[in-house]
Amino acid sequence: MPVRPSLCLEVDCQHCDVEAYDRLMANWQRLDAEGIDEVEEYACDVVYEHLVASDIAEVFTGGRAKNGLEVKVIPALGLLLGRPMSDLLERIAWFELNGVLILSPTGCLDVAAAVSQENPDPILEYVMAEETKLREYCKNGRTYERSRGQEDRSASPEWEYHYYLKHIKPVHELLRQLCGYRAVSAHERLVAAEAEARRLDLLLAHAIDVLRGSDKRVFATHLEEEHERRRILPHRVRPVPDRPLEPWEIPVIEVPTRRRWGW
């Protein structure tokens, strides 16, 4: 029995739709395979917020190819890059969808680096402003205001410093690298720390000498002994697991109490 022409056309259209859908899904999977980590994601957010308008290019915040880049106006983005867009497309995964370029997450990071190197001042000023604010938090702590009906939460300087080291500092270092400034090496940090410790030692020694020349001699002696006794040395920084003490090895701690009088 011959098939009606209308039915043949309908089957062919469905077949074309399936092929187009499969190609689209393969493109998304190809882009999604080039993921970036949380530090790179945060750095990209900062760069695009400060340097790239959302009507030129926008980062995907969820769904397929999270952290990929949607390039809406190619010539405008090329001006921000300082180079033709084609030079960048040769090295990254991308595809075109409805007249818009969709770049992989690593392509999004490459664009952020190129834009930052072309115009680094806003990013470096942002990092400086954030670190000035965070330095105050790491010295004095911070109070987090909560919504109505909930008590404000206070964070200690130690907690703020730990949060800075774990979450914020890597982002700031990466932002500097994206702008063309290399990160500070571990050796440079060590040299700077030793020089700073030496400077503070001399400053404290001068302060103790001044106290000794006044009526604060006892306090000066106590301050000097405390400074020497609690120095942070390598063998104190290194965590060395010790064996548990036996019951007879545990020192006895005498706690003075008031004597009860009575017959």
C-alpha atoms as a PDB file:
ATOM      1  CA  MET A   1       0.000   0.000   0.000  1.00  0.00           C
ATOM      2  CA  PRO A   2       1.586   3.321  -1.029  1.00  0.00           C
ATOM      3  CA  VAL A   3       2.293   5.878   1.655  1.00  0.00           C
ATOM      4  CA  ARG A   4       0.613   9.269   1.322  1.00  0.00           C
ATOM      5  CA  PRO A   5       3.009  12.129   0.413  1.00  0.00           C
ATOM      6  CA  SER A   6       1.906  14.175   3.404  1.00  0.00           C
ATOM      7  CA  LEU A   7       2.918  11.369   5.763  1.00  0.00           C
ATOM      8  CA  CYS A   8       6.355  11.064   4.101  1.00  0.00           C
ATOM      9  CA  LEU A   9       6.946  14.793   4.546  1.00  0.00           C
ATOM     10  CA  GLU A  10       5.934  14.582   8.215  1.00  0.00           C
ATOM     11  CA  VAL A  11       8.332  11.679   8.857  1.00  0.00           C
ATOM     12  CA  ASP A  12      11.200  13.536   7.131  1.00  0.00           C
ATOM     13  CA  CYS A  13      10.573  16.665   9.243  1.00  0.00           C
ATOM     14  CA  GLN A  14      10.562  14.637  12.442  1.00  0.00           C
ATOM     15  CA  HIS A  15      13.832  12.980  11.383  1.00  0.00           C
ATOM     16  CA  CYS A  16      15.404  16.404  10.753  1.00  0.00           C
ATOM     17  CA  ASP A  17      14.234  17.662  14.143  1.00  0.00           C
ATOM     18  CA  VAL A  18      15.775  14.655  15.891  1.00  0.00           C
ATOM     19  CA  GLU A  19      19.097  15.142  14.109  1.00  0.00           C
ATOM     20  CA  ALA A  20      19.153  18.854  14.970  1.00  0.00           C
ATOM     21  CA  TYR A  21      18.348  18.061  18.587  1.00  0.00           C
ATOM     22  CA  ASP A  22      21.114  15.452  18.759  1.00  0.00           C
ATOM     23  CA  ARG A  23      23.639  17.907  17.319  1.00  0.00           C
ATOM     24  CA  LEU A  24      22.575  20.558  19.821  1.00  0.00           C
ATOM     25  CA  MET A  25      22.913  18.164  22.771  1.00  0.00           C
ATOM     26  CA  ALA A  26      26.335  17.029  21.521  1.00  0.00           C
ATOM     27  CA  ASN A  27      27.471  20.652  21.366  1.00  0.00           C
ATOM     28  CA  TRP A  28      26.303  21.314  24.925  1.00  0.00           C
ATOM     29  CA  GLN A  29      28.072  18.186  26.168  1.00  0.00           C
ATOM     30  CA  ARG A  30      31.265  19.211  24.369  1.00  0.00           C
ATOM     31  CA  LEU A  31      31.217  22.594  26.109  1.00  0.00           C
ATOM     32  CA  ASP A  32      30.215  21.192  29.468  1.00  0.00           C
ATOM     33  CA  ALA A  33      33.271  18.897  29.431  1.00  0.00           C
ATOM     34  CA  GLU A  34      35.525  21.965  29.737  1.00  0.00           C
ATOM     35  CA  GLY A  35      34.590  23.005  33.262  1.00  0.00           C
ATOM     36  CA  ILE A  36      36.275  25.486  35.624  1.00  0.00           C
ATOM     37  CA  ASP A  37      36.599  25.436  39.416  1.00  0.00           C
ATOM     38  CA  GLU A  38      34.941  27.716  41.984  1.00  0.00           C
ATOM     39  CA  VAL A  39      37.877  30.128  42.194  1.00  0.00           C
ATOM     40  CA  GLU A  40      37.895  30.627  38.415  1.00  0.00           C
ATOM     41  CA  GLU A  41      34.113  30.966  38.440  1.00  0.00           C
ATOM     42  CA  TYR A  42      34.219  33.720  41.073  1.00  0.00           C
ATOM     43  CA  ALA A  43      37.022  35.536  39.224  1.00  0.00           C
ATOM     44  CA  CYS A  44      35.044  35.443  35.970  1.00  0.00           C
ATOM     45  CA  ASP A  45      32.013  36.916  37.724  1.00  0.00           C
ATOM     46  CA  VAL A  46      34.127  39.841  38.959  1.00  0.00           C
ATOM     47  CA  VAL A  47      35.646  40.514  35.528  1.00  0.00           C
ATOM     48  CA  TYR A  48      32.372  40.423  33.610  1.00  0.00           C
ATOM     49  CA  GLU A  49      30.615  42.525  36.234  1.00  0.00           C
ATOM     50  CA  HIS A  50      33.236  45.287  35.989  1.00  0.00           C
ATOM     51  CA  LEU A  51      34.391  45.160  32.365  1.00  0.00           C
ATOM     52  CA  VAL A  52      31.783  43.537  30.101  1.00  0.00           C
ATOM     53  CA  ALA A  53      28.212  44.784  29.753  1.00  0.00           C
ATOM     54  CA  SER A  54      25.502  42.129  29.844  1.00  0.00           C
ATOM     55  CA  ASP A  55      24.169  43.206  26.438  1.00  0.00           C
ATOM     56  CA  ILE A  56      27.569  42.313  24.903  1.00  0.00           C
ATOM     57  CA  ALA A  57      28.290  38.983  26.621  1.00  0.00           C
ATOM     58  CA  GLU A  58      26.811  37.170  29.588  1.00  0.00           C
ATOM     59  CA  VAL A  59      27.883  34.196  31.702  1.00  0.00           C
ATOM     60  CA  PHE A  60      25.560  31.210  32.111  1.00  0.00           C
ATOM     61  CA  THR A  61      24.760  30.835  35.815  1.00  0.00           C
ATOM     62  CA  GLY A  62      23.132  27.425  35.576  1.00  0.00           C
ATOM     63  CA  GLY A  63      21.740  24.739  33.320  1.00  0.00           C
ATOM     64  CA  ARG A  64      23.781  23.265  30.504  1.00  0.00           C
ATOM     65  CA  ALA A  65      27.408  24.412  30.189  1.00  0.00           C
ATOM     66  CA  LYS A  66      27.352  26.296  33.481  1.00  0.00           C
ATOM     67  CA  ASN A  67      29.885  29.159  33.464  1.00  0.00           C
ATOM     68  CA  GLY A  68      29.903  29.171  29.679  1.00  0.00           C
ATOM     69  CA  LEU A  69      29.687  32.502  27.857  1.00  0.00           C
ATOM     70  CA  GLU A  70      26.930  33.796  25.588  1.00  0.00           C
ATOM     71  CA  VAL A  71      28.432  36.328  23.163  1.00  0.00           C
ATOM     72  CA  LYS A  72      25.638  38.551  21.864  1.00  0.00           C
ATOM     73  CA  VAL A  73      27.629  41.273  20.040  1.00  0.00           C
ATOM     74  CA  ILE A  74      30.846  39.858  18.565  1.00  0.00           C
ATOM     75  CA  PRO A  75      32.377  43.140  17.259  1.00  0.00           C
ATOM     76  CA  ALA A  76      31.859  44.877  20.618  1.00  0.00           C
ATOM     77  CA  LEU A  77      33.522  42.031  22.504  1.00  0.00           C
ATOM     78  CA  GLY A  78      36.390  42.090  19.998  1.00  0.00           C
ATOM     79  CA  LEU A  79      37.025  45.739  20.889  1.00  0.00           C
ATOM     80  CA  LEU A  80      37.207  44.837  24.580  1.00  0.00           C
ATOM     81  CA  LEU A  81      39.585  41.976  23.792  1.00  0.00           C
ATOM     82  CA  GLY A  82      41.886  44.172  21.737  1.00  0.00           C
ATOM     83  CA  ARG A  83      42.105  41.438  19.106  1.00  0.00           C
ATOM     84  CA  PRO A  84      39.810  39.690  16.604  1.00  0.00           C
ATOM     85  CA  MET A  85      37.403  37.207  18.129  1.00  0.00           C
ATOM     86  CA  SER A  86      38.539  34.607  15.592  1.00  0.00           C
ATOM     87  CA  ASP A  87      41.972  34.404  17.247  1.00  0.00           C
ATOM     88  CA  LEU A  88      40.343  33.212  20.460  1.00  0.00           C
ATOM     89  CA  LEU A  89      37.881  30.819  18.841  1.00  0.00           C
ATOM     90  CA  GLU A  90      40.738  28.748  17.399  1.00  0.00           C
ATOM     91  CA  ARG A  91      41.734  27.556  20.892  1.00  0.00           C
ATOM     92  CA  ILE A  92      38.398  26.946  22.618  1.00  0.00           C
ATOM     93  CA  ALA A  93      35.215  24.932  22.194  1.00  0.00           C
ATOM     94  CA  TRP A  94      32.203  26.853  20.906  1.00  0.00           C
ATOM     95  CA  PHE A  95      29.172  26.681  18.657  1.00  0.00           C
ATOM     96  CA  GLU A  96      26.618  29.073  17.212  1.00  0.00           C
ATOM     97  CA  LEU A  97      22.975  29.049  18.279  1.00  0.00           C
ATOM     98  CA  ASN A  98      20.394  31.399  16.764  1.00  0.00           C
ATOM     99  CA  GLY A  99      23.030  33.945  15.767  1.00  0.00           C
ATOM    100  CA  VAL A 100      24.707  33.916  19.189  1.00  0.00           C
ATOM    101  CA  LEU A 101      28.116  32.415  20.006  1.00  0.00           C
ATOM    102  CA  ILE A 102      28.143  29.979  22.923  1.00  0.00           C
ATOM    103  CA  LEU A 103      31.616  29.543  24.454  1.00  0.00           C
ATOM    104  CA  SER A 104      32.806  26.832  26.840  1.00  0.00           C
ATOM    105  CA  PRO A 105      33.656  27.653  30.497  1.00  0.00           C
ATOM    106  CA  THR A 106      37.373  27.640  29.667  1.00  0.00           C
ATOM    107  CA  GLY A 107      36.617  29.977  26.784  1.00  0.00           C
ATOM    108  CA  CYS A 108      34.779  32.214  29.229  1.00  0.00           C
ATOM    109  CA  LEU A 109      37.924  32.279  31.397  1.00  0.00           C
ATOM    110  CA  ASP A 110      40.149  33.020  28.382  1.00  0.00           C
ATOM    111  CA  VAL A 111      37.943  35.955  27.413  1.00  0.00           C
ATOM    112  CA  ALA A 112      38.069  37.240  30.997  1.00  0.00           C
ATOM    113  CA  ALA A 113      41.884  37.076  30.947  1.00  0.00           C
ATOM    114  CA  ALA A 114      42.142  38.904  27.614  1.00  0.00           C
ATOM    115  CA  VAL A 115      39.714  41.635  28.682  1.00  0.00           C
ATOM    116  CA  SER A 116      41.503  42.066  32.027  1.00  0.00           C
ATOM    117  CA  GLN A 117      44.919  42.427  30.394  1.00  0.00           C
ATOM    118  CA  GLU A 118      43.501  45.031  28.019  1.00  0.00           C
ATOM    119  CA  ASN A 119      41.954  47.068  30.873  1.00  0.00           C
ATOM    120  CA  PRO A 120      43.426  45.941  34.231  1.00  0.00           C
ATOM    121  CA  ASP A 121      42.879  49.078  36.345  1.00  0.00           C
ATOM    122  CA  PRO A 122      39.229  48.465  37.395  1.00  0.00           C
ATOM    123  CA  ILE A 123      40.022  44.899  38.467  1.00  0.00           C
ATOM    124  CA  LEU A 124      43.154  45.847  40.420  1.00  0.00           C
ATOM    125  CA  GLU A 125      41.289  48.699  42.124  1.00  0.00           C
ATOM    126  CA  TYR A 126      38.531  46.258  43.086  1.00  0.00           C
ATOM    127  CA  VAL A 127      41.061  43.838  44.593  1.00  0.00           C
ATOM    128  CA  MET A 128      42.767  46.636  46.550  1.00  0.00           C
ATOM    129  CA  ALA A 129      39.455  47.921  47.915  1.00  0.00           C
ATOM    130  CA  GLU A 130      38.343  44.426  48.945  1.00  0.00           C
ATOM    131  CA  GLU A 131      41.652  43.627  50.653  1.00  0.00           C
ATOM    132  CA  THR A 132      41.563  46.931  52.561  1.00  0.00           C
ATOM    133  CA  LYS A 133      38.129  46.010  53.876  1.00  0.00           C
ATOM    134  CA  LEU A 134      39.103  42.408  54.627  1.00  0.00           C
ATOM    135  CA  ARG A 135      42.228  43.513  56.463  1.00  0.00           C
ATOM    136  CA  GLU A 136      40.023  45.382  58.934  1.00  0.00           C
ATOM    137  CA  TYR A 137      37.794  42.318  59.363  1.00  0.00           C
ATOM    138  CA  CYS A 138      40.827  40.088  60.006  1.00  0.00           C
ATOM    139  CA  LYS A 139      42.053  42.480  62.715  1.00  0.00           C
ATOM    140  CA  ASN A 140      38.818  43.305  64.530  1.00  0.00           C
ATOM    141  CA  GLY A 141      36.234  40.745  63.450  1.00  0.00           C
ATOM    142  CA  ARG A 142      32.908  41.512  61.859  1.00  0.00           C
ATOM    143  CA  THR A 143      29.198  41.623  62.651  1.00  0.00           C
ATOM    144  CA  TYR A 144      26.849  40.096  60.079  1.00  0.00           C
ATOM    145  CA  GLU A 145      23.424  41.712  59.995  1.00  0.00           C
ATOM    146  CA  ARG A 146      20.593  39.249  59.605  1.00  0.00           C
ATOM    147  CA  SER A 147      17.009  39.696  58.535  1.00  0.00           C
ATOM    148  CA  ARG A 148      14.377  41.070  60.848  1.00  0.00           C
ATOM    149  CA  GLY A 149      13.522  38.847  63.769  1.00  0.00           C
ATOM    150  CA  GLN A 150      16.976  37.223  63.896  1.00  0.00           C
ATOM    151  CA  GLU A 151      19.954  38.207  65.992  1.00  0.00           C
ATOM    152  CA  ASP A 152      23.076  39.549  64.311  1.00  0.00           C
ATOM    153  CA  ARG A 153      26.001  37.115  64.123  1.00  0.00           C
ATOM    154  CA  SER A 154      29.500  38.138  65.157  1.00  0.00           C
ATOM    155  CA  ALA A 155      32.597  36.587  63.596  1.00  0.00           C
ATOM    156  CA  SER A 156      35.968  36.594  65.327  1.00  0.00           C
ATOM    157  CA  PRO A 157      39.144  37.881  63.630  1.00  0.00           C
ATOM    158  CA  GLU A 158      40.430  34.287  63.505  1.00  0.00           C
ATOM    159  CA  TRP A 159      37.320  33.099  61.647  1.00  0.00           C
ATOM    160  CA  GLU A 160      37.515  36.001  59.196  1.00  0.00           C
ATOM    161  CA  TYR A 161      41.199  35.314  58.496  1.00  0.00           C
ATOM    162  CA  HIS A 162      40.567  31.600  57.938  1.00  0.00           C
ATOM    163  CA  TYR A 163      37.704  32.432  55.540  1.00  0.00           C
ATOM    164  CA  TYR A 164      39.925  34.908  53.696  1.00  0.00           C
ATOM    165  CA  LEU A 165      42.737  32.376  53.243  1.00  0.00           C
ATOM    166  CA  LYS A 166      40.413  29.619  52.054  1.00  0.00           C
ATOM    167  CA  HIS A 167      37.939  31.462  49.835  1.00  0.00           C
ATOM    168  CA  ILE A 168      38.948  35.051  49.038  1.00  0.00           C
ATOM    169  CA  LYS A 169      42.729  35.085  48.696  1.00  0.00           C
ATOM    170  CA  PRO A 170      42.868  32.504  45.838  1.00  0.00           C
ATOM    171  CA  VAL A 171      40.364  34.604  43.878  1.00  0.00           C
ATOM    172  CA  HIS A 172      42.378  37.795  44.349  1.00  0.00           C
ATOM    173  CA  GLU A 173      45.588  36.039  43.306  1.00  0.00           C
ATOM    174  CA  LEU A 174      43.892  34.728  40.164  1.00  0.00           C
ATOM    175  CA  LEU A 175      42.480  38.169  39.336  1.00  0.00           C
ATOM    176  CA  ARG A 176      45.979  39.619  39.503  1.00  0.00           C
ATOM    177  CA  GLN A 177      47.222  36.862  37.197  1.00  0.00           C
ATOM    178  CA  LEU A 178      44.409  37.552  34.732  1.00  0.00           C
ATOM    179  CA  CYS A 179      45.544  41.186  34.671  1.00  0.00           C
ATOM    180  CA  GLY A 180      49.083  40.085  33.811  1.00  0.00           C
ATOM    181  CA  TYR A 181      50.567  40.217  37.291  1.00  0.00           C
ATOM    182  CA  ARG A 182      52.112  36.975  38.480  1.00  0.00           C
ATOM    183  CA  ALA A 183      51.196  35.578  41.885  1.00  0.00           C
ATOM    184  CA  VAL A 184      53.616  35.989  44.778  1.00  0.00           C
ATOM    185  CA  SER A 185      55.744  32.846  45.154  1.00  0.00           C
ATOM    186  CA  ALA A 186      56.114  30.885  48.386  1.00  0.00           C
ATOM    187  CA  HIS A 187      59.790  31.891  48.607  1.00  0.00           C
ATOM    188  CA  GLU A 188      58.905  35.578  48.330  1.00  0.00           C
ATOM    189  CA  ARG A 189      56.315  35.176  51.070  1.00  0.00           C
ATOM    190  CA  LEU A 190      58.923  33.499  53.302  1.00  0.00           C
ATOM    191  CA  VAL A 191      61.486  36.259  52.738  1.00  0.00           C
ATOM    192  CA  ALA A 192      58.881  38.940  53.399  1.00  0.00           C
ATOM    193  CA  ALA A 193      57.673  37.179  56.568  1.00  0.00           C
ATOM    194  CA  GLU A 194      61.217  36.889  57.946  1.00  0.00           C
ATOM    195  CA  ALA A 195      61.923  40.560  57.202  1.00  0.00           C
ATOM    196  CA  GLU A 196      58.668  41.612  58.850  1.00  0.00           C
ATOM    197  CA  ALA A 197      59.401  39.485  61.942  1.00  0.00           C
ATOM    198  CA  ARG A 198      62.833  41.117  62.192  1.00  0.00           C
ATOM    199  CA  ARG A 199      61.309  44.593  61.913  1.00  0.00           C
ATOM    200  CA  LEU A 200      58.767  43.856  64.657  1.00  0.00           C
ATOM    201  CA  ASP A 201      61.499  42.393  66.897  1.00  0.00           C
ATOM    202  CA  LEU A 202      63.485  45.631  66.670  1.00  0.00           C
ATOM    203  CA  LEU A 203      60.383  47.715  67.273  1.00  0.00           C
ATOM    204  CA  LEU A 204      59.432  45.678  70.350  1.00  0.00           C
ATOM    205  CA  ALA A 205      62.996  45.788  71.707  1.00  0.00           C
ATOM    206  CA  HIS A 206      62.953  49.577  71.460  1.00  0.00           C
ATOM    207  CA  ALA A 207      59.573  49.739  73.226  1.00  0.00           C
ATOM    208  CA  ILE A 208      60.833  47.473  76.041  1.00  0.00           C
ATOM    209  CA  ASP A 209      63.917  49.670  76.521  1.00  0.00           C
ATOM    210  CA  VAL A 210      61.684  52.720  76.845  1.00  0.00           C
ATOM    211  CA  LEU A 211      59.512  50.936  79.429  1.00  0.00           C
ATOM    212  CA  ARG A 212      62.581  49.915  81.434  1.00  0.00           C
ATOM    213  CA  GLY A 213      63.579  53.562  81.672  1.00  0.00           C
ATOM    214  CA  SER A 214      60.238  54.425  83.261  1.00  0.00           C
ATOM    215  CA  ASP A 215      58.270  53.088  86.218  1.00  0.00           C
ATOM    216  CA  LYS A 216      57.079  50.115  84.097  1.00  0.00           C
ATOM    217  CA  ARG A 217      60.151  47.922  84.614  1.00  0.00           C
ATOM    218  CA  VAL A 218      58.169  44.910  85.822  1.00  0.00           C
ATOM    219  CA  PHE A 219      55.843  45.114  82.840  1.00  0.00           C
ATOM    220  CA  ALA A 220      58.846  45.445  80.488  1.00  0.00           C
ATOM    221  CA  THR A 221      60.425  42.274  81.905  1.00  0.00           C
ATOM    222  CA  HIS A 222      57.134  40.386  81.646  1.00  0.00           C
ATOM    223  CA  LEU A 223      56.643  41.563  78.053  1.00  0.00           C
ATOM    224  CA  GLU A 224      60.142  40.453  77.046  1.00  0.00           C
ATOM    225  CA  GLU A 225      59.744  37.015  78.649  1.00  0.00           C
ATOM    226  CA  GLU A 226      56.325  36.540  77.080  1.00  0.00           C
ATOM    227  CA  HIS A 227      57.661  37.495  73.653  1.00  0.00           C
ATOM    228  CA  GLU A 228      60.509  34.964  73.864  1.00  0.00           C
ATOM    229  CA  ARG A 229      58.426  32.170  75.370  1.00  0.00           C
ATOM    230  CA  ARG A 230      55.617  32.303  72.797  1.00  0.00           C
ATOM    231  CA  ARG A 231      57.613  32.705  69.606  1.00  0.00           C
ATOM    232  CA  ILE A 232      56.117  30.882  66.625  1.00  0.00           C
ATOM    233  CA  LEU A 233      58.885  28.481  65.570  1.00  0.00           C
ATOM    234  CA  PRO A 234      58.888  25.777  62.864  1.00  0.00           C
ATOM    235  CA  HIS A 235      58.690  22.884  65.327  1.00  0.00           C
ATOM    236  CA  ARG A 236      55.648  24.509  66.931  1.00  0.00           C
ATOM    237  CA  VAL A 237      53.867  25.097  63.650  1.00  0.00           C
ATOM    238  CA  ARG A 238      54.296  21.500  62.463  1.00  0.00           C
ATOM    239  CA  PRO A 239      51.450  19.332  63.815  1.00  0.00           C
ATOM    240  CA  VAL A 240      53.078  16.305  65.463  1.00  0.00           C
ATOM    241  CA  PRO A 241      50.610  13.640  66.658  1.00  0.00           C
ATOM    242  CA  ASP A 242      51.539  12.431  70.153  1.00  0.00           C
ATOM    243  CA  ARG A 243      50.577   9.152  71.755  1.00  0.00           C
ATOM    244  CA  PRO A 244      47.817   9.230  74.364  1.00  0.00           C
ATOM    245  CA  LEU A 245      49.071   9.572  77.933  1.00  0.00           C
ATOM    246  CA  GLU A 246      48.668   6.705  80.365  1.00  0.00           C
ATOM    247  CA  PRO A 247      46.585   7.456  83.467  1.00  0.00           C
ATOM    248  CA  TRP A 248      49.700   7.690  85.682  1.00  0.00           C
ATOM    249  CA  GLU A 249      51.336  10.094  83.209  1.00  0.00           C
ATOM    250  CA  ILE A 250      48.579  12.677  83.344  1.00  0.00           C
ATOM    251  CA  PRO A 251      49.731  15.557  85.571  1.00  0.00           C
ATOM    252  CA  VAL A 252      47.677  16.262  88.645  1.00  0.00           C
ATOM    253  CA  ILE A 253      46.078  19.690  88.663  1.00  0.00           C
ATOM    254  CA  GLU A 254      45.270  21.019  92.108  1.00  0.00           C
ATOM    255  CA  VAL A 255      42.295  23.326  92.223  1.00  0.00           C
ATOM    256  CA  PRO A 256      42.155  25.433  95.398  1.00  0.00           C
ATOM    257  CA  THR A 257      38.753  25.583  97.059  1.00  0.00           C
ATOM    258  CA  ARG A 258      37.441  27.350 100.106  1.00  0.00           C
ATOM    259  CA  ARG A 259      37.481  25.242 103.253  1.00  0.00           C
ATOM    260  CA  ARG A 260      34.079  24.539 104.707  1.00  0.00           C
ATOM    261  CA  TRP A 261      33.881  25.234 108.423  1.00  0.00           C
ATOM    262  CA  GLY A 262      31.580  23.247 110.582  1.00  0.00           C
ATOM    263  CA  TRP A 263      31.340  20.842 113.461  1.00  0.00           C
END
